[in-house]
PDB file of N, CA and C in Angstrom:
ATOM      1  N   UNK A   1     -29.363  41.307  40.986  1.00  0.00           N
ATOM      2  CA  UNK A   1     -28.012  41.523  41.824  1.00  0.00           C
ATOM      3  C   UNK A   1     -28.976  41.689  43.278  1.00  0.00           C
ATOM      4  N   UNK A   2     -28.358  40.586  43.717  1.00  0.00           N
ATOM      5  CA  UNK A   2     -28.996  40.610  45.427  1.00  0.00           C
ATOM      6  C   UNK A   2     -27.590  41.504  45.692  1.00  0.00           C
ATOM      7  N   UNK A   3     -28.853  41.751  47.091  1.00  0.00           N
ATOM      8  CA  UNK A   3     -27.738  42.796  47.724  1.00  0.00           C
ATOM      9  C   UNK A   3     -26.217  42.816  48.480  1.00  0.00           C
ATOM     10  N   UNK A   4     -26.176  41.613  49.129  1.00  0.00           N
ATOM     11  CA  UNK A   4     -25.193  41.170  49.358  1.00  0.00           C
ATOM     12  C   UNK A   4     -23.540  40.720  48.425  1.00  0.00           C
ATOM     13  N   UNK A   5     -23.979  40.588  47.280  1.00  0.00           N
ATOM     14  CA  UNK A   5     -23.165  40.654  46.691  1.00  0.00           C
ATOM     15  C   UNK A   5     -23.092  42.262  46.312  1.00  0.00           C
ATOM     16  N   UNK A   6     -23.344  43.297  45.478  1.00  0.00           N
ATOM     17  CA  UNK A   6     -23.626  44.317  45.397  1.00  0.00           C
ATOM     18  C   UNK A   6     -22.757  44.959  47.506  1.00  0.00           C
ATOM     19  N   UNK A   7     -23.059  44.732  48.348  1.00  0.00           N
ATOM     20  CA  UNK A   7     -21.963  45.442  49.441  1.00  0.00           C
ATOM     21  C   UNK A   7     -20.454  44.903  49.449  1.00  0.00           C
ATOM     22  N   UNK A   8     -21.014  43.005  48.582  1.00  0.00           N
ATOM     23  CA  UNK A   8     -19.222  43.102  48.793  1.00  0.00           C
ATOM     24  C   UNK A   8     -18.687  43.784  46.894  1.00  0.00           C
ATOM     25  N   UNK A   9     -19.011  43.933  46.116  1.00  0.00           N
ATOM     26  CA  UNK A   9     -18.761  43.918  45.409  1.00  0.00           C
ATOM     27  C   UNK A   9     -18.614  45.431  45.867  1.00  0.00           C
ATOM     28  N   UNK A  10     -19.017  46.500  46.286  1.00  0.00           N
ATOM     29  CA  UNK A  10     -18.619  47.589  46.655  1.00  0.00           C
ATOM     30  C   UNK A  10     -16.890  48.351  47.659  1.00  0.00           C
ATOM     31  N   UNK A  11     -17.463  47.144  48.924  1.00  0.00           N
ATOM     32  CA  UNK A  11     -16.472  46.621  49.217  1.00  0.00           C
ATOM     33  C   UNK A  11     -14.488  46.684  48.630  1.00  0.00           C
ATOM     34  N   UNK A  12     -14.647  45.159  47.948  1.00  0.00           N
ATOM     35  CA  UNK A  12     -14.174  45.512  46.346  1.00  0.00           C
ATOM     36  C   UNK A  12     -13.385  46.277  46.117  1.00  0.00           C
ATOM     37  N   UNK A  13     -14.483  47.033  45.785  1.00  0.00           N
ATOM     38  CA  UNK A  13     -13.333  48.475  44.753  1.00  0.00           C
ATOM     39  C   UNK A  13     -13.297  49.589  45.719  1.00  0.00           C
ATOM     40  N   UNK A  14     -13.589  48.653  46.988  1.00  0.00           N
ATOM     41  CA  UNK A  14     -12.772  49.992  48.058  1.00  0.00           C
ATOM     42  C   UNK A  14     -11.177  49.209  48.980  1.00  0.00           C
ATOM     43  N   UNK A  15     -11.466  47.904  48.861  1.00  0.00           N
ATOM     44  CA  UNK A  15     -10.436  47.387  49.096  1.00  0.00           C
ATOM     45  C   UNK A  15      -9.348  47.399  47.986  1.00  0.00           C
ATOM     46  N   UNK A  16      -9.489  47.378  46.673  1.00  0.00           N
ATOM     47  CA  UNK A  16      -8.231  47.746  45.815  1.00  0.00           C
ATOM     48  C   UNK A  16      -7.963  48.650  45.172  1.00  0.00           C
ATOM     49  N   UNK A  17      -8.962  49.814  46.114  1.00  0.00           N
ATOM     50  CA  UNK A  17      -8.285  50.697  45.796  1.00  0.00           C
ATOM     51  C   UNK A  17      -7.316  51.649  47.268  1.00  0.00           C
ATOM     52  N   UNK A  18      -7.525  50.619  48.458  1.00  0.00           N
ATOM     53  CA  UNK A  18      -6.458  50.195  49.367  1.00  0.00           C
ATOM     54  C   UNK A  18      -5.150  49.736  49.127  1.00  0.00           C
ATOM     55  N   UNK A  19      -5.498  48.424  48.731  1.00  0.00           N
ATOM     56  CA  UNK A  19      -4.559  47.516  48.096  1.00  0.00           C
ATOM     57  C   UNK A  19      -3.161  48.426  47.028  1.00  0.00           C
ATOM     58  N   UNK A  20      -3.803  49.092  45.908  1.00  0.00           N
ATOM     59  CA  UNK A  20      -2.989  50.091  44.825  1.00  0.00           C
ATOM     60  C   UNK A  20      -2.574  50.535  46.000  1.00  0.00           C
ATOM     61  N   UNK A  21      -3.296  51.765  46.437  1.00  0.00           N
ATOM     62  CA  UNK A  21      -1.876  52.670  47.255  1.00  0.00           C
ATOM     63  C   UNK A  21      -1.037  51.843  48.130  1.00  0.00           C
ATOM     64  N   UNK A  22      -1.054  50.987  49.184  1.00  0.00           N
ATOM     65  CA  UNK A  22      -0.274  50.751  49.536  1.00  0.00           C
ATOM     66  C   UNK A  22       0.839  49.785  48.316  1.00  0.00           C
ATOM     67  N   UNK A  23       0.737  48.816  48.074  1.00  0.00           N
ATOM     68  CA  UNK A  23       1.510  48.383  46.944  1.00  0.00           C
ATOM     69  C   UNK A  23       2.101  49.986  46.446  1.00  0.00           C
ATOM     70  N   UNK A  24       1.513  50.695  46.175  1.00  0.00           N
ATOM     71  CA  UNK A  24       2.834  52.243  45.666  1.00  0.00           C
ATOM     72  C   UNK A  24       3.477  53.235  46.135  1.00  0.00           C
ATOM     73  N   UNK A  25       2.506  52.730  47.387  1.00  0.00           N
ATOM     74  CA  UNK A  25       3.025  53.191  48.191  1.00  0.00           C
ATOM     75  C   UNK A  25       4.480  52.290  49.609  1.00  0.00           C
ATOM     76  N   UNK A  26       3.984  51.883  49.450  1.00  0.00           N
ATOM     77  CA  UNK A  26       5.678  51.849  50.252  1.00  0.00           C
ATOM     78  C   UNK A  26       6.620  50.436  50.296  1.00  0.00           C
ATOM     79  N   UNK A  27       7.230  50.516  50.986  1.00  0.00           N
ATOM     80  CA  UNK A  27       8.750  50.284  51.007  1.00  0.00           C
ATOM     81  C   UNK A  27       8.805  49.249  51.276  1.00  0.00           C
ATOM     82  N   UNK A  28       9.680  48.410  50.738  1.00  0.00           N
ATOM     83  CA  UNK A  28      10.279  46.740  50.548  1.00  0.00           C
ATOM     84  C   UNK A  28       9.271  46.082  49.471  1.00  0.00           C
ATOM     85  N   UNK A  29       9.001  45.312  49.282  1.00  0.00           N
ATOM     86  CA  UNK A  29       9.535  43.937  48.073  1.00  0.00           C
ATOM     87  C   UNK A  29       8.036  43.309  48.863  1.00  0.00           C
ATOM     88  N   UNK A  30       7.407  42.580  47.877  1.00  0.00           N
ATOM     89  CA  UNK A  30       6.160  41.961  48.118  1.00  0.00           C
ATOM     90  C   UNK A  30       4.897  42.315  48.725  1.00  0.00           C
ATOM     91  N   UNK A  31       4.605  44.246  48.300  1.00  0.00           N
ATOM     92  CA  UNK A  31       3.652  44.958  49.175  1.00  0.00           C
ATOM     93  C   UNK A  31       2.343  44.241  47.479  1.00  0.00           C
ATOM     94  N   UNK A  32       2.768  43.943  46.243  1.00  0.00           N
ATOM     95  CA  UNK A  32       2.014  43.979  45.402  1.00  0.00           C
ATOM     96  C   UNK A  32       0.793  43.126  45.659  1.00  0.00           C
ATOM     97  N   UNK A  33       1.061  42.374  46.624  1.00  0.00           N
ATOM     98  CA  UNK A  33       0.097  41.353  47.164  1.00  0.00           C
ATOM     99  C   UNK A  33      -1.132  41.824  47.259  1.00  0.00           C
ATOM    100  N   UNK A  34      -0.703  42.509  48.397  1.00  0.00           N
ATOM    101  CA  UNK A  34      -1.864  43.645  49.157  1.00  0.00           C
ATOM    102  C   UNK A  34      -2.879  43.826  48.148  1.00  0.00           C
ATOM    103  N   UNK A  35      -2.605  44.415  46.641  1.00  0.00           N
ATOM    104  CA  UNK A  35      -3.326  44.711  45.932  1.00  0.00           C
ATOM    105  C   UNK A  35      -4.334  43.877  45.424  1.00  0.00           C
ATOM    106  N   UNK A  36      -4.090  42.342  45.895  1.00  0.00           N
ATOM    107  CA  UNK A  36      -4.661  40.923  44.918  1.00  0.00           C
ATOM    108  C   UNK A  36      -5.750  40.623  46.405  1.00  0.00           C
ATOM    109  N   UNK A  37      -4.878  40.560  47.772  1.00  0.00           N
ATOM    110  CA  UNK A  37      -5.060  39.527  48.522  1.00  0.00           C
ATOM    111  C   UNK A  37      -6.479  41.045  49.397  1.00  0.00           C
ATOM    112  N   UNK A  38      -6.479  42.344  49.269  1.00  0.00           N
ATOM    113  CA  UNK A  38      -7.102  43.176  49.918  1.00  0.00           C
ATOM    114  C   UNK A  38      -8.957  42.981  49.044  1.00  0.00           C
ATOM    115  N   UNK A  39      -9.170  43.434  48.099  1.00  0.00           N
ATOM    116  CA  UNK A  39     -10.401  43.275  46.418  1.00  0.00           C
ATOM    117  C   UNK A  39     -10.614  41.355  47.167  1.00  0.00           C
ATOM    118  N   UNK A  40     -10.495  40.686  47.559  1.00  0.00           N
ATOM    119  CA  UNK A  40     -11.070  39.654  47.646  1.00  0.00           C
ATOM    120  C   UNK A  40     -11.186  39.702  49.392  1.00  0.00           C
ATOM    121  N   UNK A  41     -10.224  39.717  50.277  1.00  0.00           N
ATOM    122  CA  UNK A  41     -11.116  39.656  51.638  1.00  0.00           C
ATOM    123  C   UNK A  41     -12.456  41.211  52.011  1.00  0.00           C
ATOM    124  N   UNK A  42     -12.089  42.176  51.369  1.00  0.00           N
ATOM    125  CA  UNK A  42     -13.391  43.423  51.031  1.00  0.00           C
ATOM    126  C   UNK A  42     -14.402  42.287  50.584  1.00  0.00           C
ATOM    127  N   UNK A  43     -14.478  41.514  50.138  1.00  0.00           N
ATOM    128  CA  UNK A  43     -15.339  41.564  49.330  1.00  0.00           C
ATOM    129  C   UNK A  43     -16.353  40.235  49.824  1.00  0.00           C
ATOM    130  N   UNK A  44     -15.155  39.035  50.213  1.00  0.00           N
ATOM    131  CA  UNK A  44     -15.582  37.796  51.773  1.00  0.00           C
ATOM    132  C   UNK A  44     -16.372  38.312  52.918  1.00  0.00           C
ATOM    133  N   UNK A  45     -15.485  39.966  53.355  1.00  0.00           N
ATOM    134  CA  UNK A  45     -16.300  39.641  54.321  1.00  0.00           C
ATOM    135  C   UNK A  45     -17.074  40.205  53.998  1.00  0.00           C
ATOM    136  N   UNK A  46     -17.174  42.168  52.991  1.00  0.00           N
ATOM    137  CA  UNK A  46     -18.635  42.271  53.383  1.00  0.00           C
ATOM    138  C   UNK A  46     -19.350  41.804  52.907  1.00  0.00           C
ATOM    139  N   UNK A  47     -19.817  41.095  51.883  1.00  0.00           N
ATOM    140  CA  UNK A  47     -20.138  40.234  51.191  1.00  0.00           C
ATOM    141  C   UNK A  47     -21.072  39.416  52.344  1.00  0.00           C
ATOM    142  N   UNK A  48     -20.307  38.603  53.374  1.00  0.00           N
ATOM    143  CA  UNK A  48     -20.788  37.073  54.232  1.00  0.00           C
ATOM    144  C   UNK A  48     -21.648  37.509  55.338  1.00  0.00           C
ATOM    145  N   UNK A  49     -20.806  39.140  55.373  1.00  0.00           N
ATOM    146  CA  UNK A  49     -21.635  39.184  56.873  1.00  0.00           C
ATOM    147  C   UNK A  49     -22.546  40.113  56.821  1.00  0.00           C
ATOM    148  N   UNK A  50     -22.528  41.221  55.385  1.00  0.00           N
ATOM    149  CA  UNK A  50     -24.003  41.596  54.892  1.00  0.00           C
ATOM    150  C   UNK A  50     -25.589  40.423  55.038  1.00  0.00           C
ATOM    151  N   UNK A  51     -25.349  39.521  54.026  1.00  0.00           N
ATOM    152  CA  UNK A  51     -25.501  37.774  53.451  1.00  0.00           C
ATOM    153  C   UNK A  51     -26.225  37.854  55.443  1.00  0.00           C
ATOM    154  N   UNK A  52     -26.040  37.460  56.723  1.00  0.00           N
ATOM    155  CA  UNK A  52     -26.028  36.848  57.572  1.00  0.00           C
ATOM    156  C   UNK A  52     -25.832  37.727  58.803  1.00  0.00           C
ATOM    157  N   UNK A  53     -25.913  39.404  58.353  1.00  0.00           N
ATOM    158  CA  UNK A  53     -26.128  40.634  59.649  1.00  0.00           C
ATOM    159  C   UNK A  53     -27.376  41.123  59.054  1.00  0.00           C
ATOM    160  N   UNK A  54     -27.450  41.455  58.346  1.00  0.00           N
ATOM    161  CA  UNK A  54     -28.458  42.627  57.428  1.00  0.00           C
ATOM    162  C   UNK A  54     -29.495  41.508  57.122  1.00  0.00           C
ATOM    163  N   UNK A  55     -29.137  40.852  55.942  1.00  0.00           N
ATOM    164  CA  UNK A  55     -30.236  39.773  55.406  1.00  0.00           C
ATOM    165  C   UNK A  55     -31.737  40.691  54.776  1.00  0.00           C
ATOM    166  N   UNK A  56     -32.610  41.022  54.309  1.00  0.00           N
ATOM    167  CA  UNK A  56     -33.624  41.654  54.265  1.00  0.00           C
ATOM    168  C   UNK A  56     -34.115  42.379  54.479  1.00  0.00           C
ATOM    169  N   UNK A  57     -33.993  43.185  55.800  1.00  0.00           N
ATOM    170  CA  UNK A  57     -34.618  44.041  56.932  1.00  0.00           C
ATOM    171  C   UNK A  57     -33.041  45.213  56.810  1.00  0.00           C
ATOM    172  N   UNK A  58     -33.367  46.262  56.985  1.00  0.00           N
ATOM    173  CA  UNK A  58     -32.745  46.969  56.375  1.00  0.00           C
ATOM    174  C   UNK A  58     -32.351  48.125  58.054  1.00  0.00           C
ATOM    175  N   UNK A  59     -31.860  48.069  58.475  1.00  0.00           N
ATOM    176  CA  UNK A  59     -31.744  48.438  59.738  1.00  0.00           C
ATOM    177  C   UNK A  59     -30.689  49.088  59.725  1.00  0.00           C
ATOM    178  N   UNK A  60     -30.891  50.595  60.400  1.00  0.00           N
ATOM    179  CA  UNK A  60     -29.456  51.063  59.772  1.00  0.00           C
ATOM    180  C   UNK A  60     -28.682  50.592  61.551  1.00  0.00           C
ATOM    181  N   UNK A  61     -29.060  50.078  62.281  1.00  0.00           N
ATOM    182  CA  UNK A  61     -28.071  49.869  63.047  1.00  0.00           C
ATOM    183  C   UNK A  61     -27.099  48.733  62.817  1.00  0.00           C
ATOM    184  N   UNK A  62     -27.709  47.851  62.150  1.00  0.00           N
ATOM    185  CA  UNK A  62     -26.778  46.808  61.297  1.00  0.00           C
ATOM    186  C   UNK A  62     -26.339  46.767  60.676  1.00  0.00           C
ATOM    187  N   UNK A  63     -26.544  47.554  59.880  1.00  0.00           N
ATOM    188  CA  UNK A  63     -25.464  48.356  58.503  1.00  0.00           C
ATOM    189  C   UNK A  63     -24.421  49.194  59.053  1.00  0.00           C
ATOM    190  N   UNK A  64     -24.127  49.488  60.271  1.00  0.00           N
ATOM    191  CA  UNK A  64     -23.676  50.121  60.751  1.00  0.00           C
ATOM    192  C   UNK A  64     -22.010  49.221  61.286  1.00  0.00           C
ATOM    193  N   UNK A  65     -22.778  48.243  62.047  1.00  0.00           N
ATOM    194  CA  UNK A  65     -22.201  47.432  62.591  1.00  0.00           C
ATOM    195  C   UNK A  65     -21.608  46.406  61.746  1.00  0.00           C
ATOM    196  N   UNK A  66     -22.439  46.458  60.920  1.00  0.00           N
ATOM    197  CA  UNK A  66     -21.339  45.541  59.407  1.00  0.00           C
ATOM    198  C   UNK A  66     -20.108  46.087  58.605  1.00  0.00           C
ATOM    199  N   UNK A  67     -21.109  47.334  58.711  1.00  0.00           N
ATOM    200  CA  UNK A  67     -19.729  48.332  58.084  1.00  0.00           C
ATOM    201  C   UNK A  67     -17.606  47.921  59.135  1.00  0.00           C
ATOM    202  N   UNK A  68     -18.355  48.676  60.097  1.00  0.00           N
ATOM    203  CA  UNK A  68     -17.122  48.341  61.546  1.00  0.00           C
ATOM    204  C   UNK A  68     -16.836  46.908  61.419  1.00  0.00           C
ATOM    205  N   UNK A  69     -17.762  46.065  61.149  1.00  0.00           N
ATOM    206  CA  UNK A  69     -16.922  44.315  61.134  1.00  0.00           C
ATOM    207  C   UNK A  69     -16.275  44.015  59.976  1.00  0.00           C
ATOM    208  N   UNK A  70     -17.785  44.717  59.107  1.00  0.00           N
ATOM    209  CA  UNK A  70     -16.284  44.714  57.392  1.00  0.00           C
ATOM    210  C   UNK A  70     -15.333  45.339  57.491  1.00  0.00           C
ATOM    211  N   UNK A  71     -14.749  46.380  58.208  1.00  0.00           N
ATOM    212  CA  UNK A  71     -13.706  47.302  57.558  1.00  0.00           C
ATOM    213  C   UNK A  71     -12.316  46.301  58.367  1.00  0.00           C
ATOM    214  N   UNK A  72     -13.233  45.672  60.292  1.00  0.00           N
ATOM    215  CA  UNK A  72     -12.106  45.009  61.433  1.00  0.00           C
ATOM    216  C   UNK A  72     -11.932  44.241  60.984  1.00  0.00           C
ATOM    217  N   UNK A  73     -12.565  42.953  60.239  1.00  0.00           N
ATOM    218  CA  UNK A  73     -12.564  41.568  59.213  1.00  0.00           C
ATOM    219  C   UNK A  73     -11.162  41.497  58.436  1.00  0.00           C
ATOM    220  N   UNK A  74     -11.870  42.735  57.365  1.00  0.00           N
ATOM    221  CA  UNK A  74     -11.348  42.206  56.178  1.00  0.00           C
ATOM    222  C   UNK A  74      -9.861  43.138  56.641  1.00  0.00           C
ATOM    223  N   UNK A  75      -9.040  43.438  56.731  1.00  0.00           N
ATOM    224  CA  UNK A  75      -8.362  44.030  57.304  1.00  0.00           C
ATOM    225  C   UNK A  75      -6.874  42.665  57.712  1.00  0.00           C
ATOM    226  N   UNK A  76      -7.802  42.002  59.095  1.00  0.00           N
ATOM    227  CA  UNK A  76      -6.867  41.372  59.159  1.00  0.00           C
ATOM    228  C   UNK A  76      -6.944  39.634  58.265  1.00  0.00           C
ATOM    229  N   UNK A  77      -8.108  39.297  57.402  1.00  0.00           N
ATOM    230  CA  UNK A  77      -7.619  38.626  56.242  1.00  0.00           C
ATOM    231  C   UNK A  77      -7.266  38.544  55.393  1.00  0.00           C
ATOM    232  N   UNK A  78      -7.264  39.805  54.877  1.00  0.00           N
ATOM    233  CA  UNK A  78      -5.986  40.879  53.936  1.00  0.00           C
ATOM    234  C   UNK A  78      -4.964  40.224  54.409  1.00  0.00           C
ATOM    235  N   UNK A  79      -4.013  40.555  55.178  1.00  0.00           N
ATOM    236  CA  UNK A  79      -3.033  39.679  55.720  1.00  0.00           C
ATOM    237  C   UNK A  79      -2.658  38.469  56.147  1.00  0.00           C
ATOM    238  N   UNK A  80      -3.298  37.337  56.199  1.00  0.00           N
ATOM    239  CA  UNK A  80      -3.860  36.138  55.514  1.00  0.00           C
ATOM    240  C   UNK A  80      -3.828  35.432  54.455  1.00  0.00           C
ATOM    241  N   UNK A  81      -4.463  36.461  53.798  1.00  0.00           N
ATOM    242  CA  UNK A  81      -4.415  35.841  52.486  1.00  0.00           C
ATOM    243  C   UNK A  81      -2.697  36.193  52.159  1.00  0.00           C
TER     244      UNK A  81
END
């Protein structure tokens, strides 16, 4: 399996945990969608950023930048989805 897919799946699992927690603890209706949108957003953002930034050269700075950008962009993308 390619490294960017592994990173995307790892991020999707984190997104699933965050989305499930948000859906369970949120006050109001309609937050169940976050449990679906968060893993999708985390997988797409994390995988694509890993593919385009880190590529095959594992540099610590690039990995840290990828992680930070994944968190910021996937948060926004979750609410767009």
